[in-house]
Amino acid sequence: MTDLARRYENGVYTVSGPAGTARYEPLLAKGSVQAADGNHLWEYLPARLGERASRALDRNDADLWPVIEEWYLDRLDSPTRSTLS
C-alpha cells in the first residue's frame, strides 16, 4: 500500500502521496486531484464516495480519511491510470 500523508487546514482535507494530491472541501462537496506530473482535475466525488464522505463526516472526520484515500488511490495510484482525463 502507498504511504499517504493526511492534512486538515482551513476546512480542506488533503491526502498526499508519491502520485500526487487529493483534496476534499466538504462545504462545496467538491474535490481536486492533482497528479505529481502537474495534471489537475476538479471534480465532484463519485456518487458512492460522496455519500460515504457525507455519512463519515456526520460521525467524525476520522472516518472521512479512508474515503479520500480511496479516491486518491482510484484516481492517482491505479496501475491502469494513464491520464486524469
PDB file of N, CA and C in Angstrom:
ATOM      1  N   MET A   1       0.839  -1.186   0.000  1.00  0.00           N
ATOM      2  CA  MET A   1       0.000   0.000   0.000  1.00  0.00           C
ATOM      3  C   MET A   1       0.879   1.244   0.000  1.00  0.00           C
ATOM      4  N   THR A   2       0.430   2.249  -0.675  1.00  0.00           N
ATOM      5  CA  THR A   2       1.131   3.522  -0.756  1.00  0.00           C
ATOM      6  C   THR A   2       1.027   4.260   0.573  1.00  0.00           C
ATOM      7  N   ASP A   3       2.140   4.823   1.041  1.00  0.00           N
ATOM      8  CA  ASP A   3       2.113   5.656   2.244  1.00  0.00           C
ATOM      9  C   ASP A   3       1.523   7.006   1.884  1.00  0.00           C
ATOM     10  N   LEU A   4       0.476   7.397   2.606  1.00  0.00           N
ATOM     11  CA  LEU A   4      -0.212   8.653   2.334  1.00  0.00           C
ATOM     12  C   LEU A   4      -0.146   9.558   3.553  1.00  0.00           C
ATOM     13  N   ALA A   5       0.054  10.847   3.310  1.00  0.00           N
ATOM     14  CA  ALA A   5       0.067  11.845   4.375  1.00  0.00           C
ATOM     15  C   ALA A   5      -1.293  12.527   4.412  1.00  0.00           C
ATOM     16  N   ARG A   6      -1.800  12.766   5.618  1.00  0.00           N
ATOM     17  CA  ARG A   6      -3.093  13.440   5.801  1.00  0.00           C
ATOM     18  C   ARG A   6      -2.864  14.828   6.385  1.00  0.00           C
ATOM     19  N   ARG A   7      -3.667  15.804   5.903  1.00  0.00           N
ATOM     20  CA  ARG A   7      -3.588  17.160   6.455  1.00  0.00           C
ATOM     21  C   ARG A   7      -4.976  17.789   6.412  1.00  0.00           C
ATOM     22  N   TYR A   8      -5.331  18.484   7.490  1.00  0.00           N
ATOM     23  CA  TYR A   8      -6.570  19.257   7.536  1.00  0.00           C
ATOM     24  C   TYR A   8      -6.185  20.698   7.813  1.00  0.00           C
ATOM     25  N   GLU A   9      -6.606  21.600   6.926  1.00  0.00           N
ATOM     26  CA  GLU A   9      -6.277  23.010   7.096  1.00  0.00           C
ATOM     27  C   GLU A   9      -7.358  23.856   6.443  1.00  0.00           C
ATOM     28  N   ASN A  10      -7.860  24.839   7.183  1.00  0.00           N
ATOM     29  CA  ASN A  10      -8.863  25.782   6.670  1.00  0.00           C
ATOM     30  C   ASN A  10     -10.064  25.087   6.040  1.00  0.00           C
ATOM     31  N   GLY A  11     -10.522  24.017   6.664  1.00  0.00           N
ATOM     32  CA  GLY A  11     -11.709  23.324   6.179  1.00  0.00           C
ATOM     33  C   GLY A  11     -11.474  22.396   5.003  1.00  0.00           C
ATOM     34  N   VAL A  12     -10.218  22.177   4.633  1.00  0.00           N
ATOM     35  CA  VAL A  12      -9.893  21.319   3.488  1.00  0.00           C
ATOM     36  C   VAL A  12      -9.117  20.101   3.980  1.00  0.00           C
ATOM     37  N   TYR A  13      -9.572  18.936   3.548  1.00  0.00           N
ATOM     38  CA  TYR A  13      -8.911  17.677   3.862  1.00  0.00           C
ATOM     39  C   TYR A  13      -8.027  17.303   2.678  1.00  0.00           C
ATOM     40  N   THR A  14      -6.751  17.030   2.951  1.00  0.00           N
ATOM     41  CA  THR A  14      -5.800  16.732   1.884  1.00  0.00           C
ATOM     42  C   THR A  14      -5.088  15.420   2.170  1.00  0.00           C
ATOM     43  N   VAL A  15      -5.014  14.582   1.151  1.00  0.00           N
ATOM     44  CA  VAL A  15      -4.244  13.345   1.202  1.00  0.00           C
ATOM     45  C   VAL A  15      -3.179  13.451   0.118  1.00  0.00           C
ATOM     46  N   SER A  16      -1.922  13.258   0.512  1.00  0.00           N
ATOM     47  CA  SER A  16      -0.809  13.372  -0.434  1.00  0.00           C
ATOM     48  C   SER A  16       0.007  12.091  -0.439  1.00  0.00           C
ATOM     49  N   GLY A  17       0.560  11.803  -1.587  1.00  0.00           N
ATOM     50  CA  GLY A  17       1.427  10.640  -1.736  1.00  0.00           C
ATOM     51  C   GLY A  17       2.319  10.829  -2.939  1.00  0.00           C
ATOM     52  N   PRO A  18       3.078   9.798  -3.297  1.00  0.00           N
ATOM     53  CA  PRO A  18       4.027   9.925  -4.402  1.00  0.00           C
ATOM     54  C   PRO A  18       3.377  10.249  -5.747  1.00  0.00           C
ATOM     55  N   ALA A  19       2.133   9.854  -5.956  1.00  0.00           N
ATOM     56  CA  ALA A  19       1.474  10.080  -7.248  1.00  0.00           C
ATOM     57  C   ALA A  19       0.822  11.456  -7.352  1.00  0.00           C
ATOM     58  N   GLY A  20       0.678  12.172  -6.220  1.00  0.00           N
ATOM     59  CA  GLY A  20       0.048  13.486  -6.255  1.00  0.00           C
ATOM     60  C   GLY A  20      -0.743  13.770  -4.997  1.00  0.00           C
ATOM     61  N   THR A  21      -1.811  14.565  -5.152  1.00  0.00           N
ATOM     62  CA  THR A  21      -2.607  15.033  -4.020  1.00  0.00           C
ATOM     63  C   THR A  21      -4.091  14.972  -4.349  1.00  0.00           C
ATOM     64  N   ALA A  22      -4.890  14.562  -3.364  1.00  0.00           N
ATOM     65  CA  ALA A  22      -6.349  14.629  -3.462  1.00  0.00           C
ATOM     66  C   ALA A  22      -6.841  15.521  -2.329  1.00  0.00           C
ATOM     67  N   ARG A  23      -7.683  16.499  -2.673  1.00  0.00           N
ATOM     68  CA  ARG A  23      -8.231  17.428  -1.676  1.00  0.00           C
ATOM     69  C   ARG A  23      -9.744  17.326  -1.694  1.00  0.00           C
ATOM     70  N   TYR A  24     -10.351  17.491  -0.523  1.00  0.00           N
ATOM     71  CA  TYR A  24     -11.809  17.473  -0.425  1.00  0.00           C
ATOM     72  C   TYR A  24     -12.255  18.647   0.422  1.00  0.00           C
ATOM     73  N   GLU A  25     -13.211  19.423  -0.109  1.00  0.00           N
ATOM     74  CA  GLU A  25     -13.778  20.566   0.603  1.00  0.00           C
ATOM     75  C   GLU A  25     -15.239  20.266   0.896  1.00  0.00           C
ATOM     76  N   PRO A  26     -15.564  19.879   2.138  1.00  0.00           N
ATOM     77  CA  PRO A  26     -16.932  19.479   2.475  1.00  0.00           C
ATOM     78  C   PRO A  26     -17.983  20.550   2.211  1.00  0.00           C
ATOM     79  N   LEU A  27     -17.661  21.823   2.427  1.00  0.00           N
ATOM     80  CA  LEU A  27     -18.661  22.872   2.219  1.00  0.00           C
ATOM     81  C   LEU A  27     -19.092  22.966   0.764  1.00  0.00           C
ATOM     82  N   LEU A  28     -18.194  22.625  -0.148  1.00  0.00           N
ATOM     83  CA  LEU A  28     -18.512  22.646  -1.574  1.00  0.00           C
ATOM     84  C   LEU A  28     -18.891  21.270  -2.100  1.00  0.00           C
ATOM     85  N   ALA A  29     -18.660  20.238  -1.292  1.00  0.00           N
ATOM     86  CA  ALA A  29     -18.837  18.846  -1.726  1.00  0.00           C
ATOM     87  C   ALA A  29     -18.079  18.603  -3.026  1.00  0.00           C
ATOM     88  N   LYS A  30     -16.902  19.185  -3.092  1.00  0.00           N
ATOM     89  CA  LYS A  30     -16.106  19.109  -4.308  1.00  0.00           C
ATOM     90  C   LYS A  30     -14.655  18.861  -3.935  1.00  0.00           C
ATOM     91  N   GLY A  31     -13.947  18.249  -4.840  1.00  0.00           N
ATOM     92  CA  GLY A  31     -12.556  17.967  -4.562  1.00  0.00           C
ATOM     93  C   GLY A  31     -11.670  18.278  -5.736  1.00  0.00           C
ATOM     94  N   SER A  32     -10.393  18.190  -5.479  1.00  0.00           N
ATOM     95  CA  SER A  32      -9.388  18.434  -6.500  1.00  0.00           C
ATOM     96  C   SER A  32      -8.395  17.292  -6.455  1.00  0.00           C
ATOM     97  N   VAL A  33      -8.017  16.807  -7.617  1.00  0.00           N
ATOM     98  CA  VAL A  33      -6.977  15.797  -7.715  1.00  0.00           C
ATOM     99  C   VAL A  33      -5.865  16.389  -8.561  1.00  0.00           C
ATOM    100  N   GLN A  34      -4.648  16.354  -8.053  1.00  0.00           N
ATOM    101  CA  GLN A  34      -3.520  16.841  -8.836  1.00  0.00           C
ATOM    102  C   GLN A  34      -2.441  15.773  -8.857  1.00  0.00           C
ATOM    103  N   ALA A  35      -2.108  15.321 -10.051  1.00  0.00           N
ATOM    104  CA  ALA A  35      -1.060  14.324 -10.215  1.00  0.00           C
ATOM    105  C   ALA A  35       0.304  14.969 -10.004  1.00  0.00           C
ATOM    106  N   ALA A  36       1.272  14.166  -9.623  1.00  0.00           N
ATOM    107  CA  ALA A  36       2.625  14.666  -9.390  1.00  0.00           C
ATOM    108  C   ALA A  36       3.217  15.289 -10.654  1.00  0.00           C
ATOM    109  N   ASP A  37       2.725  14.880 -11.831  1.00  0.00           N
ATOM    110  CA  ASP A  37       3.239  15.448 -13.085  1.00  0.00           C
ATOM    111  C   ASP A  37       2.596  16.789 -13.427  1.00  0.00           C
ATOM    112  N   GLY A  38       1.707  17.284 -12.556  1.00  0.00           N
ATOM    113  CA  GLY A  38       1.110  18.599 -12.745  1.00  0.00           C
ATOM    114  C   GLY A  38      -0.288  18.594 -13.326  1.00  0.00           C
ATOM    115  N   ASN A  39      -0.764  17.462 -13.857  1.00  0.00           N
ATOM    116  CA  ASN A  39      -2.148  17.405 -14.347  1.00  0.00           C
ATOM    117  C   ASN A  39      -3.097  17.689 -13.199  1.00  0.00           C
ATOM    118  N   HIS A  40      -4.120  18.492 -13.446  1.00  0.00           N
ATOM    119  CA  HIS A  40      -5.035  18.928 -12.395  1.00  0.00           C
ATOM    120  C   HIS A  40      -6.464  18.723 -12.854  1.00  0.00           C
ATOM    121  N   LEU A  41      -7.304  18.251 -11.973  1.00  0.00           N
ATOM    122  CA  LEU A  41      -8.686  17.972 -12.331  1.00  0.00           C
ATOM    123  C   LEU A  41      -9.595  18.294 -11.156  1.00  0.00           C
ATOM    124  N   TRP A  42     -10.541  19.219 -11.374  1.00  0.00           N
ATOM    125  CA  TRP A  42     -11.586  19.448 -10.376  1.00  0.00           C
ATOM    126  C   TRP A  42     -12.745  18.536 -10.714  1.00  0.00           C
ATOM    127  N   GLU A  43     -13.318  17.913  -9.716  1.00  0.00           N
ATOM    128  CA  GLU A  43     -14.464  17.049  -9.963  1.00  0.00           C
ATOM    129  C   GLU A  43     -15.222  16.839  -8.662  1.00  0.00           C
ATOM    130  N   TYR A  44     -16.499  16.531  -8.808  1.00  0.00           N
ATOM    131  CA  TYR A  44     -17.246  16.084  -7.646  1.00  0.00           C
ATOM    132  C   TYR A  44     -16.790  14.681  -7.332  1.00  0.00           C
ATOM    133  N   LEU A  45     -16.809  14.338  -6.062  1.00  0.00           N
ATOM    134  CA  LEU A  45     -16.543  12.946  -5.723  1.00  0.00           C
ATOM    135  C   LEU A  45     -17.553  12.074  -6.442  1.00  0.00           C
ATOM    136  N   PRO A  46     -17.162  10.900  -6.906  1.00  0.00           N
ATOM    137  CA  PRO A  46     -18.152   9.982  -7.459  1.00  0.00           C
ATOM    138  C   PRO A  46     -19.265   9.766  -6.430  1.00  0.00           C
ATOM    139  N   ALA A  47     -20.481   9.541  -6.895  1.00  0.00           N
ATOM    140  CA  ALA A  47     -21.652   9.469  -6.010  1.00  0.00           C
ATOM    141  C   ALA A  47     -21.428   8.544  -4.819  1.00  0.00           C
ATOM    142  N   ARG A  48     -20.890   7.370  -5.069  1.00  0.00           N
ATOM    143  CA  ARG A  48     -20.721   6.422  -3.955  1.00  0.00           C
ATOM    144  C   ARG A  48     -19.756   6.969  -2.908  1.00  0.00           C
ATOM    145  N   LEU A  49     -18.704   7.663  -3.346  1.00  0.00           N
ATOM    146  CA  LEU A  49     -17.762   8.235  -2.390  1.00  0.00           C
ATOM    147  C   LEU A  49     -18.320   9.496  -1.745  1.00  0.00           C
ATOM    148  N   GLY A  50     -19.074  10.285  -2.487  1.00  0.00           N
ATOM    149  CA  GLY A  50     -19.694  11.479  -1.920  1.00  0.00           C
ATOM    150  C   GLY A  50     -20.670  11.138  -0.810  1.00  0.00           C
ATOM    151  N   GLU A  51     -21.463  10.102  -1.027  1.00  0.00           N
ATOM    152  CA  GLU A  51     -22.398   9.660   0.009  1.00  0.00           C
ATOM    153  C   GLU A  51     -21.641   9.137   1.220  1.00  0.00           C
ATOM    154  N   ARG A  52     -20.589   8.371   0.976  1.00  0.00           N
ATOM    155  CA  ARG A  52     -19.781   7.861   2.089  1.00  0.00           C
ATOM    156  C   ARG A  52     -19.105   9.004   2.836  1.00  0.00           C
ATOM    157  N   ALA A  53     -18.615  10.001   2.108  1.00  0.00           N
ATOM    158  CA  ALA A  53     -17.956  11.142   2.745  1.00  0.00           C
ATOM    159  C   ALA A  53     -18.934  11.895   3.639  1.00  0.00           C
ATOM    160  N   SER A  54     -20.148  12.092   3.162  1.00  0.00           N
ATOM    161  CA  SER A  54     -21.164  12.792   3.943  1.00  0.00           C
ATOM    162  C   SER A  54     -21.500  12.022   5.218  1.00  0.00           C
ATOM    163  N   ARG A  55     -21.705  10.733   5.079  1.00  0.00           N
ATOM    164  CA  ARG A  55     -22.000   9.907   6.265  1.00  0.00           C
ATOM    165  C   ARG A  55     -20.817   9.898   7.228  1.00  0.00           C
ATOM    166  N   ALA A  56     -19.614   9.825   6.693  1.00  0.00           N
ATOM    167  CA  ALA A  56     -18.418   9.796   7.534  1.00  0.00           C
ATOM    168  C   ALA A  56     -18.293  11.083   8.340  1.00  0.00           C
ATOM    169  N   LEU A  57     -18.521  12.226   7.705  1.00  0.00           N
ATOM    170  CA  LEU A  57     -18.421  13.496   8.425  1.00  0.00           C
ATOM    171  C   LEU A  57     -19.512  13.641   9.470  1.00  0.00           C
ATOM    172  N   ASP A  58     -20.673  13.013   9.236  1.00  0.00           N
ATOM    173  CA  ASP A  58     -21.725  13.036  10.251  1.00  0.00           C
ATOM    174  C   ASP A  58     -21.261  12.335  11.524  1.00  0.00           C
ATOM    175  N   ARG A  59     -20.412  11.314  11.368  1.00  0.00           N
ATOM    176  CA  ARG A  59     -19.891  10.586  12.536  1.00  0.00           C
ATOM    177  C   ARG A  59     -18.717  11.352  13.143  1.00  0.00           C
ATOM    178  N   ASN A  60     -17.665  11.493  12.395  1.00  0.00           N
ATOM    179  CA  ASN A  60     -16.493  12.283  12.793  1.00  0.00           C
ATOM    180  C   ASN A  60     -15.520  12.325  11.625  1.00  0.00           C
ATOM    181  N   ASP A  61     -14.610  13.283  11.655  1.00  0.00           N
ATOM    182  CA  ASP A  61     -13.742  13.426  10.485  1.00  0.00           C
ATOM    183  C   ASP A  61     -12.720  12.308  10.349  1.00  0.00           C
ATOM    184  N   ALA A  62     -12.478  11.558  11.405  1.00  0.00           N
ATOM    185  CA  ALA A  62     -11.557  10.421  11.284  1.00  0.00           C
ATOM    186  C   ALA A  62     -12.083   9.398  10.285  1.00  0.00           C
ATOM    187  N   ASP A  63     -13.399   9.288  10.174  1.00  0.00           N
ATOM    188  CA  ASP A  63     -13.999   8.351   9.227  1.00  0.00           C
ATOM    189  C   ASP A  63     -13.912   8.849   7.786  1.00  0.00           C
ATOM    190  N   LEU A  64     -13.618  10.131   7.595  1.00  0.00           N
ATOM    191  CA  LEU A  64     -13.532  10.694   6.251  1.00  0.00           C
ATOM    192  C   LEU A  64     -12.217  10.337   5.554  1.00  0.00           C
ATOM    193  N   TRP A  65     -11.148  10.213   6.297  1.00  0.00           N
ATOM    194  CA  TRP A  65      -9.835   9.962   5.695  1.00  0.00           C
ATOM    195  C   TRP A  65      -9.818   8.745   4.776  1.00  0.00           C
ATOM    196  N   PRO A  66     -10.370   7.603   5.169  1.00  0.00           N
ATOM    197  CA  PRO A  66     -10.345   6.452   4.255  1.00  0.00           C
ATOM    198  C   PRO A  66     -11.079   6.709   2.937  1.00  0.00           C
ATOM    199  N   VAL A  67     -12.110   7.541   2.964  1.00  0.00           N
ATOM    200  CA  VAL A  67     -12.850   7.865   1.737  1.00  0.00           C
ATOM    201  C   VAL A  67     -11.952   8.662   0.787  1.00  0.00           C
ATOM    202  N   ILE A  68     -11.263   9.673   1.311  1.00  0.00           N
ATOM    203  CA  ILE A  68     -10.373  10.484   0.476  1.00  0.00           C
ATOM    204  C   ILE A  68      -9.199   9.641  -0.018  1.00  0.00           C
ATOM    205  N   GLU A  69      -8.692   8.774   0.846  1.00  0.00           N
ATOM    206  CA  GLU A  69      -7.592   7.902   0.432  1.00  0.00           C
ATOM    207  C   GLU A  69      -8.031   6.966  -0.694  1.00  0.00           C
ATOM    208  N   GLU A  70      -9.251   6.460  -0.612  1.00  0.00           N
ATOM    209  CA  GLU A  70      -9.757   5.604  -1.691  1.00  0.00           C
ATOM    210  C   GLU A  70      -9.831   6.388  -2.995  1.00  0.00           C
ATOM    211  N   TRP A  71     -10.297   7.631  -2.931  1.00  0.00           N
ATOM    212  CA  TRP A  71     -10.376   8.491  -4.110  1.00  0.00           C
ATOM    213  C   TRP A  71      -8.981   8.718  -4.689  1.00  0.00           C
ATOM    214  N   TYR A  72      -8.024   9.018  -3.812  1.00  0.00           N
ATOM    215  CA  TYR A  72      -6.631   9.185  -4.245  1.00  0.00           C
ATOM    216  C   TYR A  72      -6.162   7.935  -4.988  1.00  0.00           C
ATOM    217  N   LEU A  73      -6.355   6.788  -4.374  1.00  0.00           N
ATOM    218  CA  LEU A  73      -5.874   5.546  -4.977  1.00  0.00           C
ATOM    219  C   LEU A  73      -6.569   5.257  -6.301  1.00  0.00           C
ATOM    220  N   ASP A  74      -7.883   5.516  -6.363  1.00  0.00           N
ATOM    221  CA  ASP A  74      -8.630   5.291  -7.610  1.00  0.00           C
ATOM    222  C   ASP A  74      -8.156   6.212  -8.730  1.00  0.00           C
ATOM    223  N   ARG A  75      -7.916   7.478  -8.406  1.00  0.00           N
ATOM    224  CA  ARG A  75      -7.624   8.476  -9.444  1.00  0.00           C
ATOM    225  C   ARG A  75      -6.136   8.627  -9.749  1.00  0.00           C
ATOM    226  N   LEU A  76      -5.282   8.392  -8.760  1.00  0.00           N
ATOM    227  CA  LEU A  76      -3.867   8.701  -8.946  1.00  0.00           C
ATOM    228  C   LEU A  76      -2.941   7.497  -8.882  1.00  0.00           C
ATOM    229  N   ASP A  77      -3.296   6.497  -8.123  1.00  0.00           N
ATOM    230  CA  ASP A  77      -2.356   5.418  -7.851  1.00  0.00           C
ATOM    231  C   ASP A  77      -2.791   4.103  -8.484  1.00  0.00           C
ATOM    232  N   SER A  78      -3.719   4.174  -9.418  1.00  0.00           N
ATOM    233  CA  SER A  78      -4.212   2.970 -10.080  1.00  0.00           C
ATOM    234  C   SER A  78      -3.184   2.487 -11.098  1.00  0.00           C
ATOM    235  N   PRO A  79      -2.901   1.182 -11.131  1.00  0.00           N
ATOM    236  CA  PRO A  79      -1.938   0.683 -12.109  1.00  0.00           C
ATOM    237  C   PRO A  79      -2.401   0.873 -13.550  1.00  0.00           C
ATOM    238  N   THR A  80      -3.705   1.058 -13.769  1.00  0.00           N
ATOM    239  CA  THR A  80      -4.222   1.219 -15.126  1.00  0.00           C
ATOM    240  C   THR A  80      -4.414   2.680 -15.508  1.00  0.00           C
ATOM    241  N   ARG A  81      -4.134   3.621 -14.594  1.00  0.00           N
ATOM    242  CA  ARG A  81      -4.340   5.042 -14.880  1.00  0.00           C
ATOM    243  C   ARG A  81      -3.287   5.522 -15.863  1.00  0.00           C
ATOM    244  N   SER A  82      -3.750   6.075 -16.960  1.00  0.00           N
ATOM    245  CA  SER A  82      -2.804   6.645 -17.914  1.00  0.00           C
ATOM    246  C   SER A  82      -2.868   8.165 -17.900  1.00  0.00           C
ATOM    247  N   THR A  83      -4.069   8.727 -17.707  1.00  0.00           N
ATOM    248  CA  THR A  83      -4.232  10.180 -17.603  1.00  0.00           C
ATOM    249  C   THR A  83      -5.362  10.452 -16.634  1.00  0.00           C
ATOM    250  N   LEU A  84      -5.483  11.700 -16.215  1.00  0.00           N
ATOM    251  CA  LEU A  84      -6.586  12.082 -15.337  1.00  0.00           C
ATOM    252  C   LEU A  84      -7.860  12.336 -16.114  1.00  0.00           C
ATOM    253  N   SER A  85      -7.778  12.634 -17.380  1.00  0.00           N
ATOM    254  CA  SER A  85      -8.978  12.993 -18.131  1.00  0.00           C
ATOM    255  C   SER A  85      -9.704  11.785 -18.659  1.00  0.00           C
TER     256      SER A  85
END
